[in-house]
Amino acid sequence: MTDHLEEYLRESAPGVAADYLTLQRSALAEMIKLSADSVAPAVNQIESLFARAKHKVEHQLEQSRQEIETRFQRQQETVRQEHARRTAEIQAAADAERSALEADTRSRQNTVNLGADGQIQEVRKKCEEDILFAETDRDAVIQKSLQERRHIEKAVPAGRQRLQEMREQAEQILEVYRHPRPEESEEEIGDLADTENAQAEFLQQLKSARRYLDILQYLRIPRLFIGTRPFVYVVLLCGMGVGTVWFVQKLPFVTMPPFVITGPMALAVTLAATFWAGRYLVKKGHAQIDAVYEPFQRSVAAALRALDLCLALTLQQVEQQIQTARQTYQEEVARAKDHFQTAKAEVEARSKPALQGLEEKHARALAALEERLGEDLQRRQREFQQAQS
């Protein structure tokens, strides 16, 4: 501050004039006192002080502005972080609730599905058991039928062998009896509808053949002509005839021609009688043989035919039993599968509404959750915008 300015400032202030003219004069005097030469130093000093003060104020203002800007940015960052945290918490809570809702729905669905699966498993187990029982029955029937076939296949050759041995034994007896072998004849057997009748017919014919064979073997008349027996009988009879004549001739009271005459005559008569008697017996013996051997042949032939029929019927019956067992097995399997599919469809039909109800309930709860989440996020956004303004 200059000396002129200080002096001017130390002077007393001009008094207030009572009229307008006096006021003009005082102002003019003051203006004269503040002339350019006297005011210039003070003005420069004032401008210098003002510039320094302005620079200081501007510097302080810039610092304050920077501090305010920094504080505002920190506050904005804090608000943004808080907004992000709250938004994340809301989203995390919604995600947790959504996960819990999904887990609860899945748990309820699993409960329904487990119940349905358990029922289906029980039905499937019952179906598998039925199929297993049907398969067991089929295998048992097939095994029994095959066993019957193996038995009859072994029994038929044994029966044939037995009948052949009986036929050979009868032929040997005929040779012993010196009887010609007659032609074989076949016996017509009745209509045998099943294997049991054929077996009974075979056993009956076998028994008859055995009985005829026993009778044939012990025929009395044919047995007289076995081997050298006829010659022995002729010699014995001739000897008995000649001896009887010789004995009668030795009696004292009998008168007969000499033994030389009666002896040859007795021999000739004995031979003639033996010849005619032997011829009759031979004819009767052959008739007995034919009467026994022919029914024996018919019994053997009927037994063979019954045996063949038994084999054929057994094989046919076995094949029918196997086919029936397989067909029954297929029907049982189809029936069990149909029952399983029907029961499965019923279980699924019962569980489907429950699953649909759970799905609808889940969808409603999820929609409510999403709606509430949207409202929470919108409210949080408004709070964030208000905090920024």
Protein backbone atom coordinates (compact mmCIF):
# COMPACT_ATOMS: atom_id res chain seq x y z
CA MET A 1 0.00 0.00 0.00
CA THR A 2 1.45 3.47 -1.00
CA ASP A 3 1.81 6.48 1.15
CA HIS A 4 -0.80 8.44 -0.83
CA LEU A 5 -3.31 5.70 -0.39
CA GLU A 6 -2.60 5.42 3.29
CA GLU A 7 -2.95 9.15 3.70
CA TYR A 8 -6.18 9.06 1.77
CA LEU A 9 -7.53 6.30 3.82
CA ARG A 10 -6.51 8.01 7.08
CA GLU A 11 -8.43 11.12 6.19
CA SER A 12 -11.84 11.50 7.60
CA ALA A 13 -14.72 10.58 5.41
CA PRO A 14 -16.47 13.52 3.79
CA GLY A 15 -19.61 14.54 5.49
CA VAL A 16 -22.99 14.03 3.88
CA ALA A 17 -24.24 17.28 2.40
CA ALA A 18 -27.68 18.43 3.08
CA ASP A 19 -28.51 19.22 -0.53
CA TYR A 20 -27.70 17.73 -3.89
CA LEU A 21 -25.32 20.50 -4.96
CA THR A 22 -23.17 20.14 -1.91
CA LEU A 23 -23.00 16.40 -2.59
CA GLN A 24 -21.77 16.96 -6.13
CA ARG A 25 -19.08 19.35 -4.94
CA SER A 26 -17.86 16.84 -2.35
CA ALA A 27 -17.68 14.08 -4.91
CA LEU A 28 -15.79 16.30 -7.31
CA ALA A 29 -13.29 17.18 -4.59
CA GLU A 30 -12.79 13.52 -3.83
CA MET A 31 -12.24 12.69 -7.47
CA ILE A 32 -9.65 15.38 -7.70
CA LYS A 33 -7.89 13.94 -4.71
CA LEU A 34 -7.92 10.46 -6.30
CA SER A 35 -6.19 11.41 -9.49
CA ALA A 36 -4.41 8.98 -11.71
CA ASP A 37 -1.04 9.77 -10.33
CA SER A 38 -2.07 9.27 -6.80
CA VAL A 39 -4.31 6.22 -7.34
CA ALA A 40 -2.14 4.16 -9.72
CA PRO A 41 0.23 2.77 -7.11
CA ALA A 42 -2.67 1.76 -4.88
CA VAL A 43 -4.48 0.12 -7.77
CA ASN A 44 -1.43 -1.89 -8.69
CA GLN A 45 -1.00 -2.98 -5.13
CA ILE A 46 -4.65 -3.90 -4.87
CA GLU A 47 -4.48 -5.91 -8.13
CA SER A 48 -1.39 -7.70 -6.91
CA LEU A 49 -3.06 -8.56 -3.64
CA PHE A 50 -6.19 -9.59 -5.51
CA ALA A 51 -4.20 -11.81 -7.89
CA ARG A 52 -2.43 -13.53 -5.01
CA ALA A 53 -5.65 -13.93 -3.12
CA LYS A 54 -7.40 -15.21 -6.26
CA HIS A 55 -4.59 -17.67 -6.97
CA LYS A 56 -4.76 -18.90 -3.40
CA VAL A 57 -8.51 -19.20 -3.50
CA GLU A 58 -8.41 -20.97 -6.87
CA HIS A 59 -5.74 -23.36 -5.56
CA GLN A 60 -7.80 -24.08 -2.47
CA LEU A 61 -10.88 -24.45 -4.67
CA GLU A 62 -9.06 -26.93 -6.92
CA GLN A 63 -7.87 -28.92 -3.93
CA SER A 64 -11.38 -28.91 -2.47
CA ARG A 65 -12.83 -29.90 -5.82
CA GLN A 66 -10.32 -32.74 -6.17
CA GLU A 67 -11.01 -33.86 -2.62
CA ILE A 68 -14.74 -33.69 -3.27
CA GLU A 69 -14.31 -35.52 -6.57
CA THR A 70 -12.17 -38.19 -4.92
CA ARG A 71 -14.60 -38.55 -2.05
CA PHE A 72 -17.49 -38.66 -4.53
CA GLN A 73 -15.77 -41.31 -6.59
CA ARG A 74 -15.08 -43.33 -3.43
CA GLN A 75 -18.67 -42.93 -2.39
CA GLN A 76 -19.80 -43.87 -5.89
CA GLU A 77 -17.53 -46.93 -5.84
CA THR A 78 -18.82 -47.82 -2.40
CA VAL A 79 -22.38 -47.42 -3.62
CA ARG A 80 -21.65 -49.49 -6.71
CA GLN A 81 -19.96 -52.18 -4.63
CA GLU A 82 -22.83 -52.16 -2.18
CA HIS A 83 -25.26 -52.32 -5.10
CA ALA A 84 -23.33 -55.19 -6.64
CA ARG A 85 -23.11 -56.97 -3.29
CA ARG A 86 -26.80 -56.54 -2.58
CA THR A 87 -27.65 -57.58 -6.13
CA ALA A 88 -25.38 -60.63 -5.81
CA GLU A 89 -26.99 -61.46 -2.46
CA ILE A 90 -30.44 -61.19 -3.99
CA GLN A 91 -29.37 -63.30 -6.97
CA ALA A 92 -27.61 -65.81 -4.71
CA ALA A 93 -30.68 -66.05 -2.47
CA ALA A 94 -32.84 -66.53 -5.55
CA ASP A 95 -30.42 -69.15 -6.91
CA ALA A 96 -30.40 -70.92 -3.56
CA GLU A 97 -34.19 -70.83 -3.42
CA ARG A 98 -34.34 -72.00 -7.03
CA SER A 99 -31.91 -74.83 -6.27
CA ALA A 100 -33.90 -75.76 -3.17
CA LEU A 101 -37.07 -75.69 -5.23
CA GLU A 102 -35.43 -77.87 -7.90
CA ALA A 103 -34.10 -80.24 -5.24
CA ASP A 104 -37.49 -80.47 -3.52
CA THR A 105 -39.25 -81.07 -6.83
CA ARG A 106 -36.68 -83.70 -7.84
CA SER A 107 -37.00 -85.32 -4.41
CA ARG A 108 -40.77 -85.49 -4.72
CA GLN A 109 -40.45 -86.74 -8.30
CA ASN A 110 -37.91 -89.32 -7.19
CA THR A 111 -40.28 -90.40 -4.44
CA VAL A 112 -43.09 -90.83 -6.94
CA ASN A 113 -40.75 -92.50 -9.45
CA LEU A 114 -39.28 -94.76 -6.78
CA GLY A 115 -42.75 -95.82 -5.74
CA ALA A 116 -43.70 -96.44 -9.35
CA ASP A 117 -40.36 -98.16 -10.04
CA GLY A 118 -40.83 -100.33 -6.97
CA GLN A 119 -44.26 -101.41 -8.15
CA ILE A 120 -42.91 -101.98 -11.67
CA GLN A 121 -40.02 -103.99 -10.24
CA GLU A 122 -42.45 -106.14 -8.26
CA VAL A 123 -44.54 -106.70 -11.39
CA ARG A 124 -41.37 -107.42 -13.42
CA LYS A 125 -40.20 -109.86 -10.73
CA LYS A 126 -43.57 -111.59 -10.82
CA CYS A 127 -43.36 -111.71 -14.62
CA GLU A 128 -39.85 -113.17 -14.49
CA GLU A 129 -40.97 -115.74 -11.90
CA ASP A 130 -43.92 -116.73 -14.08
CA ILE A 131 -41.61 -117.06 -17.08
CA LEU A 132 -39.14 -119.07 -14.98
CA PHE A 133 -41.92 -121.38 -13.76
CA ALA A 134 -43.20 -121.77 -17.32
CA GLU A 135 -39.66 -122.51 -18.51
CA THR A 136 -39.19 -125.03 -15.68
CA ASP A 137 -42.47 -126.75 -16.56
CA ARG A 138 -41.53 -126.78 -20.23
CA ASP A 139 -38.10 -128.26 -19.53
CA ALA A 140 -39.62 -130.83 -17.16
CA VAL A 141 -42.19 -131.91 -19.75
CA ILE A 142 -39.58 -132.01 -22.52
CA GLN A 143 -37.16 -133.94 -20.30
CA LYS A 144 -39.87 -136.43 -19.31
CA SER A 145 -40.96 -136.82 -22.93
CA LEU A 146 -37.39 -137.36 -24.10
CA GLN A 147 -36.90 -139.87 -21.30
CA GLU A 148 -40.02 -141.70 -22.42
CA ARG A 149 -38.75 -141.69 -25.99
CA ARG A 150 -35.36 -143.05 -24.92
CA HIS A 151 -37.10 -145.70 -22.83
CA ILE A 152 -39.36 -146.83 -25.66
CA GLU A 153 -36.48 -146.71 -28.12
CA LYS A 154 -34.61 -149.10 -25.83
CA ALA A 155 -37.65 -151.20 -24.96
CA VAL A 156 -38.77 -151.79 -28.56
CA PRO A 157 -35.51 -153.46 -29.71
CA ALA A 158 -35.51 -155.49 -26.48
CA GLY A 159 -39.09 -156.57 -27.18
CA ARG A 160 -38.22 -157.42 -30.76
CA GLN A 161 -35.23 -159.41 -29.57
CA ARG A 162 -37.41 -161.26 -27.09
CA LEU A 163 -40.01 -162.12 -29.73
CA GLN A 164 -37.27 -163.17 -32.14
CA GLU A 165 -35.80 -165.48 -29.52
CA MET A 166 -39.23 -166.99 -28.92
CA ARG A 167 -39.71 -167.46 -32.67
CA GLU A 168 -36.30 -169.11 -33.01
CA GLN A 169 -37.10 -171.36 -30.05
CA ALA A 170 -40.39 -172.37 -31.70
CA GLU A 171 -38.60 -173.10 -34.97
CA GLN A 172 -36.11 -175.26 -33.09
CA ILE A 173 -39.02 -177.16 -31.54
CA LEU A 174 -40.52 -177.64 -34.99
CA GLU A 175 -37.23 -179.03 -36.23
CA VAL A 176 -37.17 -181.40 -33.29
CA TYR A 177 -40.73 -182.41 -34.09
CA ARG A 178 -39.77 -182.82 -37.78
CA HIS A 179 -42.63 -180.49 -38.63
CA PRO A 180 -42.35 -178.24 -41.68
CA ARG A 181 -42.37 -174.55 -40.91
CA PRO A 182 -45.71 -173.08 -41.94
CA GLU A 183 -46.06 -169.76 -43.65
CA GLU A 184 -46.20 -166.76 -41.38
CA SER A 185 -49.57 -165.15 -40.93
CA GLU A 186 -50.40 -161.71 -39.61
CA GLU A 187 -53.11 -160.99 -37.13
CA GLU A 188 -55.12 -157.87 -37.56
CA ILE A 189 -55.23 -155.91 -34.37
CA GLY A 190 -57.87 -153.42 -33.43
CA ASP A 191 -57.58 -149.65 -33.56
CA LEU A 192 -55.29 -148.71 -30.72
CA ALA A 193 -55.77 -145.04 -30.01
CA ASP A 194 -53.01 -144.50 -27.48
CA THR A 195 -49.76 -145.90 -26.23
CA GLU A 196 -51.23 -147.55 -23.16
CA ASN A 197 -53.56 -149.67 -25.27
CA ALA A 198 -50.68 -150.59 -27.57
CA GLN A 199 -48.54 -151.58 -24.58
CA ALA A 200 -51.38 -153.60 -23.10
CA GLU A 201 -51.91 -155.31 -26.46
CA PHE A 202 -48.19 -156.07 -26.73
CA LEU A 203 -48.06 -157.56 -23.23
CA GLN A 204 -51.20 -159.61 -23.87
CA GLN A 205 -49.88 -160.96 -27.18
CA LEU A 206 -46.49 -161.64 -25.61
CA LYS A 207 -48.14 -163.56 -22.81
CA SER A 208 -50.20 -165.53 -25.34
CA ALA A 209 -47.11 -166.29 -27.42
CA ARG A 210 -45.27 -167.49 -24.30
CA ARG A 211 -48.21 -169.71 -23.35
CA TYR A 212 -48.43 -171.21 -26.86
CA LEU A 213 -44.68 -171.76 -26.87
CA ASP A 214 -44.86 -173.62 -23.58
CA ILE A 215 -47.74 -175.76 -24.92
CA LEU A 216 -45.81 -176.39 -28.15
CA GLN A 217 -42.76 -177.46 -26.26
CA TYR A 218 -44.62 -180.09 -24.22
CA LEU A 219 -47.08 -181.62 -26.74
CA ARG A 220 -47.36 -185.33 -25.87
CA ILE A 221 -47.97 -186.90 -29.28
CA PRO A 222 -45.32 -184.94 -31.22
CA ARG A 223 -42.83 -185.67 -28.45
CA LEU A 224 -43.24 -189.40 -29.29
CA PHE A 225 -41.48 -188.84 -32.59
CA ILE A 226 -38.47 -186.94 -31.31
CA GLY A 227 -35.13 -188.39 -32.39
CA THR A 228 -34.90 -192.19 -32.34
CA ARG A 229 -37.96 -192.66 -30.18
CA PRO A 230 -40.13 -194.03 -33.09
CA PHE A 231 -37.64 -196.80 -33.83
CA VAL A 232 -37.39 -197.68 -30.18
CA TYR A 233 -41.16 -197.79 -29.89
CA VAL A 234 -41.41 -200.04 -33.01
CA VAL A 235 -38.79 -202.44 -31.69
CA LEU A 236 -40.45 -202.57 -28.29
CA LEU A 237 -43.89 -203.14 -29.76
CA CYS A 238 -42.62 -205.83 -32.14
CA GLY A 239 -40.75 -207.48 -29.33
CA MET A 240 -43.81 -207.35 -27.12
CA GLY A 241 -45.99 -208.86 -29.91
CA VAL A 242 -43.57 -211.66 -30.72
CA GLY A 243 -42.88 -212.27 -27.05
CA THR A 244 -46.57 -212.42 -26.26
CA VAL A 245 -47.11 -215.04 -29.02
CA TRP A 246 -44.13 -217.01 -27.77
CA PHE A 247 -45.40 -216.87 -24.19
CA VAL A 248 -48.96 -217.92 -25.16
CA GLN A 249 -47.61 -220.71 -27.28
CA LYS A 250 -45.71 -222.13 -24.28
CA LEU A 251 -48.85 -222.49 -22.28
CA PRO A 252 -49.90 -226.19 -21.95
CA PHE A 253 -53.53 -225.70 -22.66
CA VAL A 254 -53.00 -223.61 -25.84
CA THR A 255 -52.70 -225.34 -29.18
CA MET A 256 -51.07 -223.18 -31.82
CA PRO A 257 -48.99 -223.63 -34.91
CA PRO A 258 -45.27 -223.73 -34.40
CA PHE A 259 -43.49 -220.56 -33.35
CA VAL A 260 -41.68 -220.52 -36.65
CA ILE A 261 -44.98 -219.70 -38.24
CA THR A 262 -46.66 -217.71 -35.51
CA GLY A 263 -43.59 -215.64 -34.72
CA PRO A 264 -43.24 -213.98 -38.16
CA MET A 265 -46.99 -213.61 -38.32
CA ALA A 266 -47.00 -211.82 -34.97
CA LEU A 267 -44.13 -209.61 -36.13
CA ALA A 268 -45.92 -208.76 -39.35
CA VAL A 269 -49.18 -207.96 -37.54
CA THR A 270 -47.32 -205.87 -34.96
CA LEU A 271 -45.47 -203.95 -37.68
CA ALA A 272 -48.68 -203.33 -39.59
CA ALA A 273 -50.52 -202.18 -36.47
CA THR A 274 -47.57 -200.02 -35.43
CA PHE A 275 -47.37 -198.46 -38.90
CA TRP A 276 -51.05 -197.53 -39.02
CA ALA A 277 -51.04 -196.36 -35.44
CA GLY A 278 -47.86 -194.36 -36.03
CA ARG A 279 -49.28 -192.81 -39.15
CA TYR A 280 -52.39 -191.77 -37.28
CA LEU A 281 -50.37 -190.38 -34.42
CA VAL A 282 -48.04 -188.50 -36.77
CA LYS A 283 -51.02 -186.89 -38.50
CA LYS A 284 -52.64 -186.04 -35.22
CA GLY A 285 -49.33 -184.73 -33.87
CA HIS A 286 -48.90 -182.40 -36.86
CA ALA A 287 -52.45 -181.21 -36.38
CA GLN A 288 -51.69 -180.43 -32.74
CA ILE A 289 -48.54 -178.62 -33.75
CA ASP A 290 -50.42 -176.56 -36.32
CA ALA A 291 -53.18 -175.87 -33.82
CA VAL A 292 -50.60 -174.40 -31.39
CA TYR A 293 -48.00 -172.91 -33.73
CA GLU A 294 -50.41 -170.91 -35.87
CA PRO A 295 -51.86 -168.93 -32.94
CA PHE A 296 -48.29 -168.59 -31.68
CA GLN A 297 -47.32 -167.02 -34.99
CA ARG A 298 -50.34 -164.75 -34.91
CA SER A 299 -49.53 -163.69 -31.35
CA VAL A 300 -45.91 -162.96 -32.26
CA ALA A 301 -46.97 -161.01 -35.35
CA ALA A 302 -49.59 -159.10 -33.37
CA ALA A 303 -47.06 -158.41 -30.64
CA LEU A 304 -44.60 -157.06 -33.23
CA ARG A 305 -47.26 -154.86 -34.78
CA ALA A 306 -48.35 -153.65 -31.34
CA LEU A 307 -44.72 -152.96 -30.54
CA ASP A 308 -44.24 -150.94 -33.74
CA LEU A 309 -47.49 -149.12 -33.10
CA CYS A 310 -46.43 -148.44 -29.54
CA LEU A 311 -43.17 -146.96 -30.78
CA ALA A 312 -44.93 -144.84 -33.39
CA LEU A 313 -47.58 -143.66 -30.94
CA THR A 314 -44.97 -142.93 -28.30
CA LEU A 315 -42.83 -140.92 -30.70
CA GLN A 316 -45.91 -139.07 -31.91
CA GLN A 317 -47.05 -138.48 -28.34
CA VAL A 318 -43.60 -137.28 -27.31
CA GLU A 319 -43.48 -134.88 -30.26
CA GLN A 320 -46.95 -133.60 -29.40
CA GLN A 321 -46.00 -133.21 -25.75
CA ILE A 322 -42.86 -131.27 -26.69
CA GLN A 323 -44.78 -129.04 -29.11
CA THR A 324 -47.53 -128.53 -26.55
CA ALA A 325 -44.97 -127.71 -23.86
CA ARG A 326 -43.24 -125.20 -26.10
CA GLN A 327 -46.52 -123.67 -27.20
CA THR A 328 -47.70 -123.49 -23.60
CA TYR A 329 -44.40 -121.88 -22.63
CA GLN A 330 -44.77 -119.28 -25.37
CA GLU A 331 -48.35 -118.60 -24.30
CA GLU A 332 -47.29 -118.29 -20.66
CA VAL A 333 -44.44 -115.95 -21.62
CA ALA A 334 -46.77 -113.85 -23.77
CA ARG A 335 -49.37 -113.81 -20.99
CA ALA A 336 -46.76 -112.79 -18.40
CA LYS A 337 -45.40 -110.05 -20.66
CA ASP A 338 -48.90 -108.77 -21.40
CA HIS A 339 -49.65 -108.73 -17.69
CA PHE A 340 -46.40 -106.88 -17.05
CA GLN A 341 -47.10 -104.29 -19.74
CA THR A 342 -50.65 -103.80 -18.47
CA ALA A 343 -49.53 -103.44 -14.85
CA LYS A 344 -46.70 -101.13 -15.91
CA ALA A 345 -49.12 -98.96 -17.87
CA GLU A 346 -51.45 -98.82 -14.86
CA VAL A 347 -48.60 -97.80 -12.55
CA GLU A 348 -47.42 -95.16 -15.01
CA ALA A 349 -50.99 -93.94 -15.42
CA ARG A 350 -51.32 -93.57 -11.65
CA SER A 351 -47.95 -91.83 -11.26
CA LYS A 352 -48.33 -89.52 -14.28
CA PRO A 353 -50.89 -87.14 -12.66
CA ALA A 354 -48.70 -86.87 -9.56
CA LEU A 355 -45.66 -86.03 -11.69
CA GLN A 356 -47.65 -83.53 -13.71
CA GLY A 357 -48.92 -81.93 -10.49
CA LEU A 358 -45.35 -81.65 -9.22
CA GLU A 359 -44.26 -80.11 -12.53
CA GLU A 360 -47.08 -77.58 -12.44
CA LYS A 361 -46.41 -76.75 -8.79
CA HIS A 362 -42.72 -76.38 -9.60
CA ALA A 363 -43.49 -74.12 -12.55
CA ARG A 364 -45.77 -71.91 -10.42
CA ALA A 365 -43.23 -71.67 -7.62
CA LEU A 366 -40.45 -70.93 -10.11
CA ALA A 367 -42.54 -68.22 -11.79
CA ALA A 368 -43.29 -66.65 -8.40
CA LEU A 369 -39.60 -66.80 -7.54
CA GLU A 370 -38.61 -65.16 -10.82
CA GLU A 371 -41.25 -62.46 -10.32
CA ARG A 372 -40.07 -61.76 -6.78
CA LEU A 373 -36.47 -61.72 -7.99
CA GLY A 374 -37.36 -59.19 -10.69
CA GLU A 375 -39.10 -56.97 -8.14
CA ASP A 376 -36.15 -57.18 -5.75
CA LEU A 377 -33.70 -56.33 -8.53
CA GLN A 378 -35.83 -53.39 -9.69
CA ARG A 379 -36.11 -52.04 -6.14
CA ARG A 380 -32.39 -52.45 -5.71
CA GLN A 381 -31.80 -50.60 -9.00
CA ARG A 382 -33.99 -47.72 -7.87
CA GLU A 383 -32.14 -47.49 -4.57
CA PHE A 384 -28.89 -47.52 -6.47
CA GLN A 385 -30.02 -44.74 -8.76
CA GLN A 386 -31.26 -42.68 -5.81
CA ALA A 387 -27.92 -43.19 -4.08
CA GLN A 388 -26.08 -41.97 -7.19
CA SER A 389 -28.25 -38.85 -7.62
